[in-house]
Amino acid sequence: MEYLCPLCNGLDQPEVRCRRCGEIMENCGAIQEYYDDYSPYLDMHVTRMIDGVSGDQCLHVFFCKGCNGIRSVAVNLVEY
């Protein structure tokens, strides 16, 4: 079985609200993309092992334009 992240693949766009001001936050991508200059080009199976969430989740960074807040959200992978 193969799994993929619905956010990374544009299949879902959840409405995540900021805990501070209540604004809808913008999805800025998977946290793996921010590790270093080359991490966006590495295999996702490798970088997911170090993001701190279970193997069936993808950690995404969300940004609030209202108060400049940042939040990480674990997204469940889906089978395809």
Protein backbone atom coordinates (compact mmCIF):
# COMPACT_ATOMS: atom_id res chain seq x y z
CA MET A 1 0.00 0.00 0.00
CA GLU A 2 1.13 3.51 -0.75
CA TYR A 3 0.16 6.58 1.22
CA LEU A 4 0.24 10.27 0.39
CA CYS A 5 -0.44 13.55 2.12
CA PRO A 6 -3.70 15.12 0.95
CA LEU A 7 -2.34 18.65 1.56
CA CYS A 8 0.99 18.15 -0.23
CA ASN A 9 -0.93 16.75 -3.21
CA GLY A 10 -3.68 19.37 -3.31
CA LEU A 11 -6.49 16.94 -2.46
CA ASP A 12 -7.63 18.79 0.66
CA GLN A 13 -7.39 22.31 2.03
CA PRO A 14 -8.47 22.31 5.68
CA GLU A 15 -9.50 25.49 7.44
CA VAL A 16 -7.04 25.92 10.30
CA ARG A 17 -7.77 28.81 12.65
CA CYS A 18 -5.17 30.71 14.61
CA ARG A 19 -5.30 30.03 18.35
CA ARG A 20 -4.38 33.65 19.14
CA CYS A 21 -6.59 35.77 16.89
CA GLY A 22 -8.99 33.31 15.22
CA GLU A 23 -7.99 34.16 11.64
CA ILE A 24 -7.82 31.41 9.00
CA MET A 25 -4.19 30.37 8.63
CA GLU A 26 -2.30 29.81 5.37
CA ASN A 27 -0.77 26.39 4.65
CA CYS A 28 2.95 26.95 4.02
CA GLY A 29 3.79 23.33 3.21
CA ALA A 30 5.35 20.35 4.92
CA ILE A 31 7.89 21.09 7.65
CA GLN A 32 10.46 18.93 5.85
CA GLU A 33 10.76 21.66 3.23
CA TYR A 34 12.26 24.02 5.84
CA TYR A 35 15.07 21.88 7.29
CA ASP A 36 17.80 23.12 4.93
CA ASP A 37 18.43 24.21 1.33
CA TYR A 38 18.27 20.67 -0.06
CA SER A 39 15.49 19.13 2.06
CA PRO A 40 12.71 19.91 -0.48
CA TYR A 41 14.57 17.67 -2.94
CA LEU A 42 15.03 14.69 -0.60
CA ASP A 43 12.77 11.67 -0.65
CA MET A 44 9.76 12.28 1.61
CA HIS A 45 10.13 8.83 3.19
CA VAL A 46 13.52 9.90 4.55
CA THR A 47 12.57 13.34 5.82
CA ARG A 48 9.35 12.10 7.43
CA MET A 49 11.41 9.95 9.78
CA ILE A 50 12.77 13.06 11.52
CA ASP A 51 9.73 15.36 11.70
CA GLY A 52 8.58 14.04 15.10
CA VAL A 53 5.17 12.66 14.12
CA SER A 54 4.06 9.10 13.46
CA GLY A 55 4.84 7.49 10.10
CA ASP A 56 1.25 7.83 8.91
CA GLN A 57 1.22 11.63 9.26
CA CYS A 58 2.76 14.65 7.53
CA LEU A 59 3.59 17.74 9.61
CA HIS A 60 2.53 21.01 7.96
CA VAL A 61 3.37 24.59 8.88
CA PHE A 62 0.53 27.13 8.96
CA PHE A 63 1.02 30.91 9.11
CA CYS A 64 -1.41 33.56 10.36
CA LYS A 65 -1.33 36.84 8.45
CA GLY A 66 -3.39 38.50 11.18
CA CYS A 67 -0.90 38.14 14.05
CA ASN A 68 2.14 36.46 12.40
CA GLY A 69 1.52 33.29 14.40
CA ILE A 70 2.94 29.95 13.31
CA ARG A 71 1.42 26.56 14.02
CA SER A 72 2.37 23.00 13.10
CA VAL A 73 -0.44 20.58 12.29
CA ALA A 74 -0.10 16.81 11.83
CA VAL A 75 -2.08 15.63 8.80
CA ASN A 76 -3.09 11.99 8.37
CA LEU A 77 -1.85 10.34 5.20
CA VAL A 78 -4.42 8.68 2.93
CA GLU A 79 -4.12 5.45 0.98
CA TYR A 80 -4.06 5.60 -2.81
